[in-house]
Amino acid sequence: MRFKRPKIAIIGAGHTGATIALMVAQKEIGDIVLVDIPDLEMPAKGKALDILQTSPIEKFNVHIIGTANYQEIEHADIVVITAGIARKPGMTREDLIQTNASIIRSVSEHVKCYAPNSYVIVLSNPVDAMTYVCLETTGFSKNRVMGQSGILDTARFNTFIAEALHLSVEDVTSFVLGGHGDEMVPLVSYTYIGGIPLEKMLSKAQIEQLVERTRKGGGEIVELLGNGSAYFAPAASIVKMIEAIVKDKRRVMPVIAYLQGDYHVHNACIGVPVVLGGNGIESVIELHLNEAEQKAFANSVHAVYRTLEYIK
């Protein structure tokens, strides 16, 4: 019997989209369709062919094409949306709203048409608001539309902690909740190093420095690059989500989910811990937050609401 490989559609063939495609191919998660606008169809085709020619070297077997034709995403199991303009030096996430909201609406209409049974992962910024726009436009159930930010933000927090302690990142566990911006909430009370609370290993001042650097983590890379934004770590974060869904792993991870009362949030997409598996967002995990964390989370939620009001 011949088994069907999952089909992964990636909308946007820039640095992030192409990196996601390469990682998905290397892990043999599924076949790949790399989609971009007509003006960028040739680069999309070129990147797809380049990745395909990597397969004999890396020893993976998947099919990958580049295209500007949305019909090619038909029957996709997973759709990843990276389309949109990138943040530039000095540009806030809110500056991206008008252009990217229009792009996400257009992309979402195509997804609704050609891949109506897919699970959708949004990466385009400002990602909390763009996830909401995608959910609203597609009309998909809330378990099938999600955004990526918490995995990336948590990875940055863990990286900075490991560097500060001169320890392996493998021993650092944490959660970063809230909106994907300067108001994100690294949960210090849920941060451990080999089971030891972070607060037992670093001073309050040192921890606050790490928290603040995490909040500015994306901007730091934007400034260093000078043109564009991060793509390796965001791509790896997306692939982790794809694997959890395709392989029904039921992983606990921070994901942007549509909330209807969870964490006292209504009608907004916010980063929270969820169980991610074969049915998408299978449940939201409500953590007990201390007073400072509750205040910070509420502030982050209000920032997302302000963005949504601007879109509406």
C-alpha atoms as a PDB file:
ATOM      1  CA  MET A   1       0.000   0.000   0.000  1.00  0.00           C
ATOM      2  CA  ARG A   2       1.272   3.459  -0.886  1.00  0.00           C
ATOM      3  CA  PHE A   3       0.749   6.042   1.853  1.00  0.00           C
ATOM      4  CA  LYS A   4       0.094   9.703   1.142  1.00  0.00           C
ATOM      5  CA  ARG A   5       2.638  12.145   2.540  1.00  0.00           C
ATOM      6  CA  PRO A   6       1.245  15.255   4.251  1.00  0.00           C
ATOM      7  CA  LYS A   7       1.123  18.355   2.061  1.00  0.00           C
ATOM      8  CA  ILE A   8       2.621  21.547   3.475  1.00  0.00           C
ATOM      9  CA  ALA A   9       1.869  24.840   1.730  1.00  0.00           C
ATOM     10  CA  ILE A  10       4.098  27.804   2.568  1.00  0.00           C
ATOM     11  CA  ILE A  11       2.789  31.207   1.491  1.00  0.00           C
ATOM     12  CA  GLY A  12       5.696  33.592   1.052  1.00  0.00           C
ATOM     13  CA  ALA A  13       9.004  32.377  -0.390  1.00  0.00           C
ATOM     14  CA  GLY A  14      11.286  34.891   1.282  1.00  0.00           C
ATOM     15  CA  HIS A  15      14.071  34.002   3.724  1.00  0.00           C
ATOM     16  CA  THR A  16      11.660  32.609   6.327  1.00  0.00           C
ATOM     17  CA  GLY A  17       9.463  30.673   3.903  1.00  0.00           C
ATOM     18  CA  ALA A  18      12.436  29.119   2.120  1.00  0.00           C
ATOM     19  CA  THR A  19      14.078  28.183   5.429  1.00  0.00           C
ATOM     20  CA  ILE A  20      10.858  26.535   6.626  1.00  0.00           C
ATOM     21  CA  ALA A  21      10.724  24.611   3.346  1.00  0.00           C
ATOM     22  CA  LEU A  22      14.298  23.387   3.763  1.00  0.00           C
ATOM     23  CA  MET A  23      13.726  22.289   7.385  1.00  0.00           C
ATOM     24  CA  VAL A  24      10.458  20.526   6.522  1.00  0.00           C
ATOM     25  CA  ALA A  25      12.226  18.737   3.661  1.00  0.00           C
ATOM     26  CA  GLN A  26      15.211  17.707   5.798  1.00  0.00           C
ATOM     27  CA  LYS A  27      12.859  16.226   8.389  1.00  0.00           C
ATOM     28  CA  GLU A  28      10.752  14.548   5.665  1.00  0.00           C
ATOM     29  CA  ILE A  29       7.569  15.891   7.266  1.00  0.00           C
ATOM     30  CA  GLY A  30       5.749  16.153   3.947  1.00  0.00           C
ATOM     31  CA  ASP A  31       5.648  17.421   0.387  1.00  0.00           C
ATOM     32  CA  ILE A  32       5.974  21.181  -0.034  1.00  0.00           C
ATOM     33  CA  VAL A  33       4.384  23.910  -2.130  1.00  0.00           C
ATOM     34  CA  LEU A  34       6.225  27.233  -1.917  1.00  0.00           C
ATOM     35  CA  VAL A  35       3.933  30.073  -3.043  1.00  0.00           C
ATOM     36  CA  ASP A  36       4.698  33.699  -3.799  1.00  0.00           C
ATOM     37  CA  ILE A  37       3.234  36.573  -5.812  1.00  0.00           C
ATOM     38  CA  PRO A  38       3.484  36.465  -9.636  1.00  0.00           C
ATOM     39  CA  ASP A  39       6.382  38.947  -9.705  1.00  0.00           C
ATOM     40  CA  LEU A  40       8.366  36.593  -7.449  1.00  0.00           C
ATOM     41  CA  GLU A  41       7.311  33.274  -8.982  1.00  0.00           C
ATOM     42  CA  MET A  42      10.698  32.615 -10.606  1.00  0.00           C
ATOM     43  CA  PRO A  43      12.650  33.058  -7.335  1.00  0.00           C
ATOM     44  CA  ALA A  44      10.129  30.744  -5.633  1.00  0.00           C
ATOM     45  CA  LYS A  45      10.665  28.126  -8.335  1.00  0.00           C
ATOM     46  CA  GLY A  46      14.426  28.574  -8.055  1.00  0.00           C
ATOM     47  CA  LYS A  47      14.464  28.107  -4.292  1.00  0.00           C
ATOM     48  CA  ALA A  48      12.246  25.029  -4.557  1.00  0.00           C
ATOM     49  CA  LEU A  49      14.553  23.493  -7.164  1.00  0.00           C
ATOM     50  CA  ASP A  50      17.619  24.349  -5.092  1.00  0.00           C
ATOM     51  CA  ILE A  51      16.125  22.581  -2.055  1.00  0.00           C
ATOM     52  CA  LEU A  52      15.119  19.607  -4.197  1.00  0.00           C
ATOM     53  CA  GLN A  53      18.711  19.298  -5.416  1.00  0.00           C
ATOM     54  CA  THR A  54      19.815  19.206  -1.781  1.00  0.00           C
ATOM     55  CA  SER A  55      17.930  15.928  -1.294  1.00  0.00           C
ATOM     56  CA  PRO A  56      20.591  13.587  -2.752  1.00  0.00           C
ATOM     57  CA  ILE A  57      23.173  15.184  -0.440  1.00  0.00           C
ATOM     58  CA  GLU A  58      21.065  15.271   2.735  1.00  0.00           C
ATOM     59  CA  LYS A  59      19.290  12.000   1.828  1.00  0.00           C
ATOM     60  CA  PHE A  60      15.669  13.091   2.134  1.00  0.00           C
ATOM     61  CA  ASN A  61      12.740  12.202  -0.113  1.00  0.00           C
ATOM     62  CA  VAL A  62      10.022  14.810  -0.584  1.00  0.00           C
ATOM     63  CA  HIS A  63       8.424  16.599  -3.512  1.00  0.00           C
ATOM     64  CA  ILE A  64       8.718  20.405  -3.610  1.00  0.00           C
ATOM     65  CA  ILE A  65       7.562  23.004  -6.112  1.00  0.00           C
ATOM     66  CA  GLY A  66       7.579  26.791  -6.321  1.00  0.00           C
ATOM     67  CA  THR A  67       4.607  28.613  -7.816  1.00  0.00           C
ATOM     68  CA  ALA A  68       2.413  31.711  -7.909  1.00  0.00           C
ATOM     69  CA  ASN A  69      -0.690  29.620  -8.584  1.00  0.00           C
ATOM     70  CA  TYR A  70      -2.784  29.122  -5.456  1.00  0.00           C
ATOM     71  CA  GLN A  71      -4.512  26.127  -7.031  1.00  0.00           C
ATOM     72  CA  GLU A  72      -1.311  24.208  -6.242  1.00  0.00           C
ATOM     73  CA  ILE A  73      -2.135  24.352  -2.498  1.00  0.00           C
ATOM     74  CA  GLU A  74      -5.294  22.296  -3.073  1.00  0.00           C
ATOM     75  CA  HIS A  75      -5.800  19.648  -0.353  1.00  0.00           C
ATOM     76  CA  ALA A  76      -2.911  21.008   1.741  1.00  0.00           C
ATOM     77  CA  ASP A  77      -2.880  19.613   5.284  1.00  0.00           C
ATOM     78  CA  ILE A  78      -0.936  22.543   6.735  1.00  0.00           C
ATOM     79  CA  VAL A  79      -0.732  26.109   5.425  1.00  0.00           C
ATOM     80  CA  VAL A  80       1.956  28.418   6.778  1.00  0.00           C
ATOM     81  CA  ILE A  81       1.511  32.129   6.089  1.00  0.00           C
ATOM     82  CA  THR A  82       4.719  34.172   6.088  1.00  0.00           C
ATOM     83  CA  ALA A  83       3.544  36.688   3.475  1.00  0.00           C
ATOM     84  CA  GLY A  84       3.788  40.387   4.206  1.00  0.00           C
ATOM     85  CA  ILE A  85       6.340  43.147   4.431  1.00  0.00           C
ATOM     86  CA  ALA A  86       9.145  42.768   6.956  1.00  0.00           C
ATOM     87  CA  ARG A  87       9.770  45.192   9.777  1.00  0.00           C
ATOM     88  CA  LYS A  88      12.533  47.684   9.022  1.00  0.00           C
ATOM     89  CA  PRO A  89      14.846  49.550  11.414  1.00  0.00           C
ATOM     90  CA  GLY A  90      12.866  52.116  13.391  1.00  0.00           C
ATOM     91  CA  MET A  91       9.534  50.592  12.314  1.00  0.00           C
ATOM     92  CA  THR A  92       7.114  49.427  15.011  1.00  0.00           C
ATOM     93  CA  ARG A  93       4.955  46.367  14.542  1.00  0.00           C
ATOM     94  CA  GLU A  94       1.929  48.651  14.389  1.00  0.00           C
ATOM     95  CA  ASP A  95       3.428  50.325  11.300  1.00  0.00           C
ATOM     96  CA  LEU A  96       2.949  47.033   9.501  1.00  0.00           C
ATOM     97  CA  ILE A  97      -0.751  46.759  10.226  1.00  0.00           C
ATOM     98  CA  GLN A  98      -2.484  48.267   7.214  1.00  0.00           C
ATOM     99  CA  THR A  99      -0.408  46.639   4.495  1.00  0.00           C
ATOM    100  CA  ASN A 100      -0.117  43.244   6.119  1.00  0.00           C
ATOM    101  CA  ALA A 101      -3.790  43.039   7.106  1.00  0.00           C
ATOM    102  CA  SER A 102      -4.710  43.510   3.448  1.00  0.00           C
ATOM    103  CA  ILE A 103      -2.214  40.835   2.383  1.00  0.00           C
ATOM    104  CA  ILE A 104      -3.425  38.346   5.012  1.00  0.00           C
ATOM    105  CA  ARG A 105      -7.061  38.833   4.002  1.00  0.00           C
ATOM    106  CA  SER A 106      -6.194  38.077   0.390  1.00  0.00           C
ATOM    107  CA  VAL A 107      -4.089  35.017   1.271  1.00  0.00           C
ATOM    108  CA  SER A 108      -6.753  33.737   3.676  1.00  0.00           C
ATOM    109  CA  GLU A 109      -9.425  33.913   0.980  1.00  0.00           C
ATOM    110  CA  HIS A 110      -7.265  31.677  -1.222  1.00  0.00           C
ATOM    111  CA  VAL A 111      -6.666  29.249   1.650  1.00  0.00           C
ATOM    112  CA  LYS A 112     -10.404  29.106   2.333  1.00  0.00           C
ATOM    113  CA  CYS A 113     -11.027  28.346  -1.338  1.00  0.00           C
ATOM    114  CA  TYR A 114      -8.320  25.780  -2.089  1.00  0.00           C
ATOM    115  CA  ALA A 115      -7.416  24.245   1.300  1.00  0.00           C
ATOM    116  CA  PRO A 116     -10.650  24.383   3.320  1.00  0.00           C
ATOM    117  CA  ASN A 117      -9.661  21.499   5.596  1.00  0.00           C
ATOM    118  CA  SER A 118      -6.164  22.722   6.420  1.00  0.00           C
ATOM    119  CA  TYR A 119      -4.600  23.842   9.679  1.00  0.00           C
ATOM    120  CA  VAL A 120      -3.189  27.346   9.330  1.00  0.00           C
ATOM    121  CA  ILE A 121      -0.129  28.750  11.093  1.00  0.00           C
ATOM    122  CA  VAL A 122       0.393  32.511  10.791  1.00  0.00           C
ATOM    123  CA  LEU A 123       3.803  34.159  11.123  1.00  0.00           C
ATOM    124  CA  SER A 124       3.206  37.537   9.454  1.00  0.00           C
ATOM    125  CA  ASN A 125       3.528  40.557  11.754  1.00  0.00           C
ATOM    126  CA  PRO A 126       1.972  41.921  13.853  1.00  0.00           C
ATOM    127  CA  VAL A 127       1.243  38.243  14.270  1.00  0.00           C
ATOM    128  CA  ASP A 128      -1.396  38.368  17.030  1.00  0.00           C
ATOM    129  CA  ALA A 129      -3.578  40.659  14.929  1.00  0.00           C
ATOM    130  CA  MET A 130      -2.804  38.852  11.669  1.00  0.00           C
ATOM    131  CA  THR A 131      -3.842  35.538  13.224  1.00  0.00           C
ATOM    132  CA  TYR A 132      -7.170  37.134  14.142  1.00  0.00           C
ATOM    133  CA  VAL A 133      -7.574  38.490  10.581  1.00  0.00           C
ATOM    134  CA  CYS A 134      -6.888  35.013   9.154  1.00  0.00           C
ATOM    135  CA  LEU A 135      -9.347  33.349  11.543  1.00  0.00           C
ATOM    136  CA  GLU A 136     -12.026  35.914  10.746  1.00  0.00           C
ATOM    137  CA  THR A 137     -11.472  35.725   6.970  1.00  0.00           C
ATOM    138  CA  THR A 138     -11.313  31.938   6.629  1.00  0.00           C
ATOM    139  CA  GLY A 139     -14.128  31.246   9.071  1.00  0.00           C
ATOM    140  CA  PHE A 140     -12.234  28.125  10.169  1.00  0.00           C
ATOM    141  CA  SER A 141     -12.761  26.709  13.665  1.00  0.00           C
ATOM    142  CA  LYS A 142     -10.502  28.222  16.323  1.00  0.00           C
ATOM    143  CA  ASN A 143      -8.500  25.013  16.773  1.00  0.00           C
ATOM    144  CA  ARG A 144      -7.329  25.189  13.124  1.00  0.00           C
ATOM    145  CA  VAL A 145      -5.946  28.754  12.985  1.00  0.00           C
ATOM    146  CA  MET A 146      -3.016  29.732  15.169  1.00  0.00           C
ATOM    147  CA  GLY A 147      -0.029  32.032  15.268  1.00  0.00           C
ATOM    148  CA  GLN A 148       3.615  31.478  16.065  1.00  0.00           C
ATOM    149  CA  SER A 149       5.392  33.715  18.549  1.00  0.00           C
ATOM    150  CA  GLY A 150       5.657  32.078  21.958  1.00  0.00           C
ATOM    151  CA  ILE A 151       7.999  29.313  20.826  1.00  0.00           C
ATOM    152  CA  LEU A 152      10.346  31.888  19.304  1.00  0.00           C
ATOM    153  CA  ASP A 153      10.144  34.298  22.245  1.00  0.00           C
ATOM    154  CA  THR A 154      10.683  31.437  24.698  1.00  0.00           C
ATOM    155  CA  ALA A 155      13.691  30.252  22.675  1.00  0.00           C
ATOM    156  CA  ARG A 156      15.197  33.742  22.884  1.00  0.00           C
ATOM    157  CA  PHE A 157      14.594  33.902  26.642  1.00  0.00           C
ATOM    158  CA  ASN A 158      16.157  30.451  27.101  1.00  0.00           C
ATOM    159  CA  THR A 159      19.141  31.435  24.952  1.00  0.00           C
ATOM    160  CA  PHE A 160      19.875  34.540  27.001  1.00  0.00           C
ATOM    161  CA  ILE A 161      19.479  32.630  30.285  1.00  0.00           C
ATOM    162  CA  ALA A 162      21.856  29.872  29.168  1.00  0.00           C
ATOM    163  CA  GLU A 163      24.417  32.467  28.070  1.00  0.00           C
ATOM    164  CA  ALA A 164      24.183  34.312  31.396  1.00  0.00           C
ATOM    165  CA  LEU A 165      24.662  31.115  33.403  1.00  0.00           C
ATOM    166  CA  HIS A 166      27.174  29.498  31.011  1.00  0.00           C
ATOM    167  CA  LEU A 167      24.988  26.401  30.955  1.00  0.00           C
ATOM    168  CA  SER A 168      23.380  24.264  28.260  1.00  0.00           C
ATOM    169  CA  VAL A 169      20.172  25.593  26.691  1.00  0.00           C
ATOM    170  CA  GLU A 170      18.881  22.019  26.932  1.00  0.00           C
ATOM    171  CA  ASP A 171      18.461  22.444  30.690  1.00  0.00           C
ATOM    172  CA  VAL A 172      16.491  25.704  30.473  1.00  0.00           C
ATOM    173  CA  THR A 173      12.686  25.588  30.380  1.00  0.00           C
ATOM    174  CA  SER A 174      10.341  28.570  30.415  1.00  0.00           C
ATOM    175  CA  PHE A 175       7.192  30.124  28.955  1.00  0.00           C
ATOM    176  CA  VAL A 176       6.675  33.476  27.276  1.00  0.00           C
ATOM    177  CA  LEU A 177       3.033  34.529  26.996  1.00  0.00           C
ATOM    178  CA  GLY A 178       1.032  37.477  25.707  1.00  0.00           C
ATOM    179  CA  GLY A 179       1.376  39.496  22.524  1.00  0.00           C
ATOM    180  CA  HIS A 180       4.424  39.248  20.291  1.00  0.00           C
ATOM    181  CA  GLY A 181       5.935  42.641  20.990  1.00  0.00           C
ATOM    182  CA  ASP A 182       7.520  44.789  23.658  1.00  0.00           C
ATOM    183  CA  GLU A 183       4.701  43.865  26.065  1.00  0.00           C
ATOM    184  CA  MET A 184       5.303  40.084  25.933  1.00  0.00           C
ATOM    185  CA  VAL A 185       5.429  38.314  29.295  1.00  0.00           C
ATOM    186  CA  PRO A 186       8.358  35.973  30.072  1.00  0.00           C
ATOM    187  CA  LEU A 187       7.092  33.984  33.068  1.00  0.00           C
ATOM    188  CA  VAL A 188       9.981  34.006  35.518  1.00  0.00           C
ATOM    189  CA  SER A 189       7.995  31.978  38.063  1.00  0.00           C
ATOM    190  CA  TYR A 190       7.750  29.139  35.499  1.00  0.00           C
ATOM    191  CA  THR A 191      11.410  29.270  34.455  1.00  0.00           C
ATOM    192  CA  TYR A 192      13.723  26.472  35.562  1.00  0.00           C
ATOM    193  CA  ILE A 193      17.281  25.324  34.954  1.00  0.00           C
ATOM    194  CA  GLY A 194      17.515  21.575  35.388  1.00  0.00           C
ATOM    195  CA  GLY A 195      14.502  21.782  37.706  1.00  0.00           C
ATOM    196  CA  ILE A 196      15.985  24.652  39.764  1.00  0.00           C
ATOM    197  CA  PRO A 197      13.974  27.918  39.783  1.00  0.00           C
ATOM    198  CA  LEU A 198      15.726  30.713  37.890  1.00  0.00           C
ATOM    199  CA  GLU A 199      15.183  33.027  40.867  1.00  0.00           C
ATOM    200  CA  LYS A 200      17.525  30.786  42.885  1.00  0.00           C
ATOM    201  CA  MET A 201      20.334  31.214  40.355  1.00  0.00           C
ATOM    202  CA  LEU A 202      20.252  34.869  39.266  1.00  0.00           C
ATOM    203  CA  SER A 203      19.505  38.141  41.010  1.00  0.00           C
ATOM    204  CA  LYS A 204      16.286  40.063  40.381  1.00  0.00           C
ATOM    205  CA  ALA A 205      18.242  42.735  38.479  1.00  0.00           C
ATOM    206  CA  GLN A 206      19.948  40.140  36.266  1.00  0.00           C
ATOM    207  CA  ILE A 207      16.635  38.459  35.501  1.00  0.00           C
ATOM    208  CA  GLU A 208      15.009  41.773  34.600  1.00  0.00           C
ATOM    209  CA  GLN A 209      17.823  42.458  32.132  1.00  0.00           C
ATOM    210  CA  LEU A 210      17.182  39.089  30.464  1.00  0.00           C
ATOM    211  CA  VAL A 211      13.434  39.742  30.375  1.00  0.00           C
ATOM    212  CA  GLU A 212      13.950  43.126  28.755  1.00  0.00           C
ATOM    213  CA  ARG A 213      16.392  41.747  26.188  1.00  0.00           C
ATOM    214  CA  THR A 214      13.863  39.038  25.308  1.00  0.00           C
ATOM    215  CA  ARG A 215      11.170  41.671  24.748  1.00  0.00           C
ATOM    216  CA  LYS A 216      13.511  43.522  22.396  1.00  0.00           C
ATOM    217  CA  GLY A 217      14.908  40.319  20.837  1.00  0.00           C
ATOM    218  CA  GLY A 218      13.374  40.758  17.403  1.00  0.00           C
ATOM    219  CA  GLY A 219      14.336  44.422  17.210  1.00  0.00           C
ATOM    220  CA  GLU A 220      17.927  43.571  18.162  1.00  0.00           C
ATOM    221  CA  ILE A 221      18.227  41.274  15.150  1.00  0.00           C
ATOM    222  CA  VAL A 222      16.556  43.825  12.867  1.00  0.00           C
ATOM    223  CA  GLU A 223      19.143  46.418  13.898  1.00  0.00           C
ATOM    224  CA  LEU A 224      22.028  43.987  13.413  1.00  0.00           C
ATOM    225  CA  LEU A 225      20.861  42.844   9.984  1.00  0.00           C
ATOM    226  CA  GLY A 226      20.192  46.374   8.814  1.00  0.00           C
ATOM    227  CA  ASN A 227      17.726  45.078   6.239  1.00  0.00           C
ATOM    228  CA  GLY A 228      15.098  42.476   7.072  1.00  0.00           C
ATOM    229  CA  SER A 229      14.332  40.504  10.199  1.00  0.00           C
ATOM    230  CA  ALA A 230      15.050  37.152  11.850  1.00  0.00           C
ATOM    231  CA  TYR A 231      14.263  33.984   9.919  1.00  0.00           C
ATOM    232  CA  PHE A 232      16.275  30.976  11.130  1.00  0.00           C
ATOM    233  CA  ALA A 233      14.744  30.773  14.640  1.00  0.00           C
ATOM    234  CA  PRO A 234      11.232  31.773  13.443  1.00  0.00           C
ATOM    235  CA  ALA A 235      11.417  29.023  10.806  1.00  0.00           C
ATOM    236  CA  ALA A 236      12.517  26.421  13.356  1.00  0.00           C
ATOM    237  CA  SER A 237       9.627  27.479  15.610  1.00  0.00           C
ATOM    238  CA  ILE A 238       7.111  26.997  12.807  1.00  0.00           C
ATOM    239  CA  VAL A 239       8.510  23.565  11.942  1.00  0.00           C
ATOM    240  CA  LYS A 240       8.133  22.502  15.575  1.00  0.00           C
ATOM    241  CA  MET A 241       4.430  23.386  15.348  1.00  0.00           C
ATOM    242  CA  ILE A 242       4.009  21.592  12.016  1.00  0.00           C
ATOM    243  CA  GLU A 243       5.566  18.432  13.465  1.00  0.00           C
ATOM    244  CA  ALA A 244       3.298  18.539  16.512  1.00  0.00           C
ATOM    245  CA  ILE A 245       0.212  18.621  14.275  1.00  0.00           C
ATOM    246  CA  VAL A 246       1.284  16.228  11.516  1.00  0.00           C
ATOM    247  CA  LYS A 247       2.680  13.644  13.954  1.00  0.00           C
ATOM    248  CA  ASP A 248      -0.100  14.185  16.541  1.00  0.00           C
ATOM    249  CA  LYS A 249       2.497  14.744  19.243  1.00  0.00           C
ATOM    250  CA  ARG A 250       0.200  16.570  21.706  1.00  0.00           C
ATOM    251  CA  ARG A 251       3.019  18.885  22.722  1.00  0.00           C
ATOM    252  CA  VAL A 252       2.602  21.598  25.361  1.00  0.00           C
ATOM    253  CA  MET A 253       3.864  24.838  23.834  1.00  0.00           C
ATOM    254  CA  PRO A 254       3.048  28.551  23.760  1.00  0.00           C
ATOM    255  CA  VAL A 255       0.944  29.331  20.692  1.00  0.00           C
ATOM    256  CA  ILE A 256      -1.198  32.284  19.601  1.00  0.00           C
ATOM    257  CA  ALA A 257      -4.747  31.024  20.049  1.00  0.00           C
ATOM    258  CA  TYR A 258      -8.201  32.552  19.796  1.00  0.00           C
ATOM    259  CA  LEU A 259      -9.530  33.032  23.324  1.00  0.00           C
ATOM    260  CA  GLN A 260     -13.156  33.219  24.389  1.00  0.00           C
ATOM    261  CA  GLY A 261     -12.867  33.586  28.143  1.00  0.00           C
ATOM    262  CA  ASP A 262      -9.588  31.788  28.822  1.00  0.00           C
ATOM    263  CA  TYR A 263      -7.297  33.997  30.915  1.00  0.00           C
ATOM    264  CA  HIS A 264     -10.291  36.419  31.052  1.00  0.00           C
ATOM    265  CA  VAL A 265      -9.623  37.318  27.401  1.00  0.00           C
ATOM    266  CA  HIS A 266     -12.501  37.530  24.927  1.00  0.00           C
ATOM    267  CA  ASN A 267     -12.450  37.706  21.129  1.00  0.00           C
ATOM    268  CA  ALA A 268      -8.693  38.063  20.597  1.00  0.00           C
ATOM    269  CA  CYS A 269      -5.722  35.935  19.558  1.00  0.00           C
ATOM    270  CA  ILE A 270      -3.073  35.865  22.272  1.00  0.00           C
ATOM    271  CA  GLY A 271      -0.027  33.727  23.063  1.00  0.00           C
ATOM    272  CA  VAL A 272      -0.850  31.115  25.728  1.00  0.00           C
ATOM    273  CA  PRO A 273       0.225  27.540  26.528  1.00  0.00           C
ATOM    274  CA  VAL A 274      -1.770  24.973  24.562  1.00  0.00           C
ATOM    275  CA  VAL A 275      -1.786  21.280  23.784  1.00  0.00           C
ATOM    276  CA  LEU A 276      -0.911  21.063  20.079  1.00  0.00           C
ATOM    277  CA  GLY A 277      -1.635  17.822  18.271  1.00  0.00           C
ATOM    278  CA  GLY A 278      -3.397  16.162  15.369  1.00  0.00           C
ATOM    279  CA  ASN A 279      -6.534  18.220  15.941  1.00  0.00           C
ATOM    280  CA  GLY A 280      -4.606  21.487  16.065  1.00  0.00           C
ATOM    281  CA  ILE A 281      -5.105  23.427  19.308  1.00  0.00           C
ATOM    282  CA  GLU A 282      -6.658  20.681  21.389  1.00  0.00           C
ATOM    283  CA  SER A 283      -6.889  22.672  24.615  1.00  0.00           C
ATOM    284  CA  VAL A 284      -5.672  25.852  26.286  1.00  0.00           C
ATOM    285  CA  ILE A 285      -3.734  25.443  29.524  1.00  0.00           C
ATOM    286  CA  GLU A 286      -4.505  28.135  32.092  1.00  0.00           C
ATOM    287  CA  LEU A 287      -1.556  28.848  34.363  1.00  0.00           C
ATOM    288  CA  HIS A 288      -1.764  30.524  37.734  1.00  0.00           C
ATOM    289  CA  LEU A 289      -0.039  33.885  37.374  1.00  0.00           C
ATOM    290  CA  ASN A 290       1.282  35.922  40.272  1.00  0.00           C
ATOM    291  CA  GLU A 291       0.151  39.527  40.697  1.00  0.00           C
ATOM    292  CA  ALA A 292       3.003  41.040  38.667  1.00  0.00           C
ATOM    293  CA  GLU A 293       2.544  38.502  35.860  1.00  0.00           C
ATOM    294  CA  GLN A 294      -1.215  39.098  35.767  1.00  0.00           C
ATOM    295  CA  LYS A 295      -0.660  42.841  35.462  1.00  0.00           C
ATOM    296  CA  ALA A 296       1.936  42.386  32.699  1.00  0.00           C
ATOM    297  CA  PHE A 297      -0.294  39.927  30.839  1.00  0.00           C
ATOM    298  CA  ALA A 298      -3.263  42.317  31.029  1.00  0.00           C
ATOM    299  CA  ASN A 299      -1.064  45.100  29.648  1.00  0.00           C
ATOM    300  CA  SER A 300       0.029  42.844  26.781  1.00  0.00           C
ATOM    301  CA  VAL A 301      -3.579  41.910  26.002  1.00  0.00           C
ATOM    302  CA  HIS A 302      -4.584  45.582  25.925  1.00  0.00           C
ATOM    303  CA  ALA A 303      -1.803  46.267  23.418  1.00  0.00           C
ATOM    304  CA  VAL A 304      -3.198  43.535  21.148  1.00  0.00           C
ATOM    305  CA  TYR A 305      -6.732  44.917  21.544  1.00  0.00           C
ATOM    306  CA  ARG A 306      -5.466  48.340  20.476  1.00  0.00           C
ATOM    307  CA  THR A 307      -4.014  46.813  17.315  1.00  0.00           C
ATOM    308  CA  LEU A 308      -7.266  44.986  16.585  1.00  0.00           C
ATOM    309  CA  GLU A 309      -9.259  48.181  17.045  1.00  0.00           C
ATOM    310  CA  TYR A 310      -6.987  49.874  14.523  1.00  0.00           C
ATOM    311  CA  ILE A 311      -7.662  47.114  12.007  1.00  0.00           C
ATOM    312  CA  LYS A 312     -11.414  47.187  12.614  1.00  0.00           C
END
